[in-house]
Amino acid sequence: MAGQKGSGKTQIIKHLNLSSYSKDAMDMPYPLQKIQYNNLSINIWTLDGKWKTYYYCENYFQNNDAIIYVLHSIDCEAISQAKYTINKIIQQNQNSKTPVLIFFNQKHYQHVQIEQIEQLLNLQEISGIDQYHIQECCAIKGDGVIQGFQWLQKLLIKNENQ
């Protein structure tokens, strides 16, 4: 799971009803936290807006079964960083086709449609993405969080059985 600082990653994780996690670890500018949720192993890191952070993350970009990205804004910088991050993870990942789940934390953007986000991110242009899903959510209330993880879990189980 990746996303800019303040995008809602910590709040999303809180809605998974985990028995424990470390807030200090969640706020570090490089990968530090690994959690388990319904047989999914999730690595969580925060991107602090500085591109040098990717140097620390590269070991975590390999051998991922999926990518979860939390997007909280549709400004140019946020979209640019989302595209860069997803592309970087796909390039480093050793799985040939990787599903991508994007949580769009819409607390300030209720009027934005999923189709607009799809156009801005242009995910179908990134080779290596098998399937993607953009899940609207409210990280504070938890709306949409479980639905996003259910989509991902079903897809991973289906892919594993093929």
Protein backbone atom coordinates (compact mmCIF):
# COMPACT_ATOMS: atom_id res chain seq x y z
CA MET A 1 0.00 0.00 0.00
CA ALA A 2 1.41 3.34 -0.98
CA GLY A 3 0.25 6.92 -1.10
CA GLN A 4 1.33 10.40 -0.21
CA LYS A 5 1.55 11.48 3.39
CA GLY A 6 -1.92 12.40 4.61
CA SER A 7 -3.72 10.45 1.89
CA GLY A 8 -5.63 8.25 4.35
CA LYS A 9 -3.57 5.04 4.55
CA THR A 10 -3.57 4.97 8.35
CA GLN A 11 -7.32 5.57 8.52
CA ILE A 12 -7.99 2.86 5.93
CA ILE A 13 -5.93 0.36 7.92
CA LYS A 14 -7.82 1.25 11.10
CA HIS A 15 -11.06 0.16 9.41
CA LEU A 16 -9.69 -3.33 8.82
CA ASN A 17 -10.22 -4.10 12.53
CA LEU A 18 -6.67 -5.25 13.10
CA SER A 19 -5.72 -6.20 16.62
CA SER A 20 -2.66 -3.96 16.57
CA TYR A 21 -0.48 -1.78 14.43
CA SER A 22 2.11 0.85 15.16
CA LYS A 23 1.17 4.44 14.30
CA ASP A 24 4.83 5.45 14.58
CA ALA A 25 5.75 2.91 11.93
CA MET A 26 2.94 4.14 9.68
CA ASP A 27 4.27 7.69 9.73
CA MET A 28 7.84 6.87 8.69
CA PRO A 29 8.91 8.03 5.20
CA TYR A 30 9.93 4.52 4.12
CA PRO A 31 8.54 0.96 4.32
CA LEU A 32 8.30 -0.31 7.84
CA GLN A 33 4.94 -1.93 8.50
CA LYS A 34 3.62 -5.31 7.41
CA ILE A 35 0.10 -6.37 8.36
CA GLN A 36 -2.11 -9.39 7.77
CA TYR A 37 -5.76 -9.05 6.79
CA ASN A 38 -7.90 -12.04 5.74
CA ASN A 39 -4.91 -13.97 4.37
CA LEU A 40 -3.57 -10.86 2.61
CA SER A 41 -0.09 -9.75 3.60
CA ILE A 42 0.14 -5.98 3.13
CA ASN A 43 3.31 -3.87 3.20
CA ILE A 44 2.56 -0.26 4.05
CA TRP A 45 4.75 2.75 3.43
CA THR A 46 4.28 6.46 3.21
CA LEU A 47 5.72 8.59 0.46
CA ASP A 48 6.67 11.94 1.91
CA GLY A 49 6.45 13.78 -1.38
CA LYS A 50 10.19 13.53 -1.96
CA TRP A 51 11.20 11.36 -4.88
CA LYS A 52 14.31 10.15 -3.01
CA THR A 53 11.99 8.04 -0.85
CA TYR A 54 11.73 5.58 -3.74
CA TYR A 55 15.34 4.58 -3.18
CA TYR A 56 14.34 3.13 0.20
CA CYS A 57 11.28 1.42 -1.23
CA GLU A 58 12.77 -0.50 -4.15
CA ASN A 59 13.23 -3.76 -2.23
CA TYR A 60 9.54 -3.66 -1.40
CA PHE A 61 8.56 -3.20 -5.03
CA GLN A 62 9.55 -6.76 -5.94
CA ASN A 63 7.34 -9.86 -5.84
CA ASN A 64 4.08 -8.07 -5.12
CA ASP A 65 0.86 -9.84 -5.98
CA ALA A 66 -1.00 -6.53 -6.11
CA ILE A 67 -0.59 -2.81 -5.61
CA ILE A 68 -2.83 -0.71 -3.37
CA TYR A 69 -2.52 3.03 -3.79
CA VAL A 70 -4.39 5.66 -1.79
CA LEU A 71 -5.12 8.84 -3.74
CA HIS A 72 -6.56 11.82 -1.92
CA SER A 73 -6.32 14.58 -4.48
CA ILE A 74 -6.64 15.10 -8.19
CA ASP A 75 -4.15 17.94 -8.44
CA CYS A 76 -1.30 17.56 -10.93
CA GLU A 77 1.31 16.63 -8.32
CA ALA A 78 -0.82 13.92 -6.70
CA ILE A 79 -1.78 12.37 -10.06
CA SER A 80 1.81 12.58 -11.29
CA GLN A 81 3.13 10.91 -8.14
CA ALA A 82 0.45 8.20 -8.30
CA LYS A 83 1.31 7.39 -11.93
CA TYR A 84 5.04 7.39 -11.16
CA THR A 85 4.67 5.19 -8.08
CA ILE A 86 2.43 2.63 -9.73
CA ASN A 87 4.67 2.50 -12.80
CA LYS A 88 7.82 2.17 -10.63
CA ILE A 89 6.33 -0.70 -8.63
CA ILE A 90 5.19 -2.45 -11.82
CA GLN A 91 8.69 -2.11 -13.36
CA GLN A 92 10.41 -3.51 -10.26
CA ASN A 93 7.82 -6.22 -9.67
CA GLN A 94 8.74 -9.66 -10.87
CA ASN A 95 5.16 -10.81 -11.41
CA SER A 96 4.20 -10.38 -15.04
CA LYS A 97 0.68 -9.07 -14.46
CA THR A 98 -0.21 -7.12 -11.35
CA PRO A 99 -3.69 -6.01 -10.27
CA VAL A 100 -3.98 -2.48 -8.92
CA LEU A 101 -6.48 -1.27 -6.32
CA ILE A 102 -6.74 2.47 -5.95
CA PHE A 103 -8.63 3.91 -3.03
CA PHE A 104 -9.83 7.38 -3.94
CA ASN A 105 -10.26 9.07 -0.57
CA GLN A 106 -12.93 11.49 -1.68
CA LYS A 107 -13.49 13.58 1.44
CA HIS A 108 -12.93 16.83 -0.50
CA TYR A 109 -14.01 15.62 -3.94
CA GLN A 110 -17.55 14.23 -3.74
CA HIS A 111 -18.28 15.62 -7.22
CA VAL A 112 -15.45 13.72 -8.94
CA GLN A 113 -16.47 10.64 -10.93
CA ILE A 114 -14.45 7.42 -11.16
CA GLU A 115 -14.27 7.88 -14.94
CA GLN A 116 -12.44 11.19 -14.42
CA ILE A 117 -9.85 9.49 -12.23
CA GLU A 118 -9.42 6.69 -14.77
CA GLN A 119 -8.73 9.27 -17.47
CA LEU A 120 -6.26 11.22 -15.32
CA LEU A 121 -4.30 8.13 -14.22
CA ASN A 122 -4.46 6.45 -17.65
CA LEU A 123 -3.71 3.04 -16.07
CA GLN A 124 -4.52 1.07 -19.22
CA GLU A 125 -1.39 2.61 -20.76
CA ILE A 126 0.93 1.08 -18.13
CA SER A 127 2.14 -2.32 -19.29
CA GLY A 128 2.16 -4.94 -16.57
CA ILE A 129 -1.17 -4.01 -15.02
CA ASP A 130 -3.48 -6.99 -15.28
CA GLN A 131 -6.63 -5.46 -13.84
CA TYR A 132 -7.41 -2.38 -11.85
CA HIS A 133 -10.22 -1.09 -9.71
CA ILE A 134 -10.77 2.41 -8.38
CA GLN A 135 -12.72 2.30 -5.14
CA GLU A 136 -14.25 5.47 -3.81
CA CYS A 137 -13.84 5.63 -0.07
CA CYS A 138 -14.00 7.86 2.93
CA ALA A 139 -10.99 6.89 5.00
CA ILE A 140 -12.34 8.66 8.08
CA LYS A 141 -15.74 6.92 8.08
CA GLY A 142 -14.54 3.68 6.45
CA ASP A 143 -17.02 3.83 3.57
CA GLY A 144 -15.79 1.70 0.67
CA VAL A 145 -12.72 0.29 2.46
CA ILE A 146 -13.93 -3.28 2.98
CA GLN A 147 -15.41 -3.37 -0.55
CA GLY A 148 -12.00 -2.50 -2.03
CA PHE A 149 -10.22 -5.23 -0.10
CA GLN A 150 -12.95 -7.74 -0.99
CA TRP A 151 -12.44 -6.98 -4.71
CA LEU A 152 -8.72 -7.52 -4.34
CA GLN A 153 -9.02 -10.69 -2.29
CA LYS A 154 -11.50 -12.28 -4.75
CA LEU A 155 -9.24 -11.41 -7.68
CA LEU A 156 -6.12 -12.82 -6.00
CA ILE A 157 -7.92 -16.06 -5.09
CA LYS A 158 -9.21 -16.36 -8.66
CA ASN A 159 -5.72 -15.76 -10.09
CA GLU A 160 -4.20 -18.28 -7.69
CA ASN A 161 -6.66 -20.98 -8.78
CA GLN A 162 -5.92 -20.48 -12.49
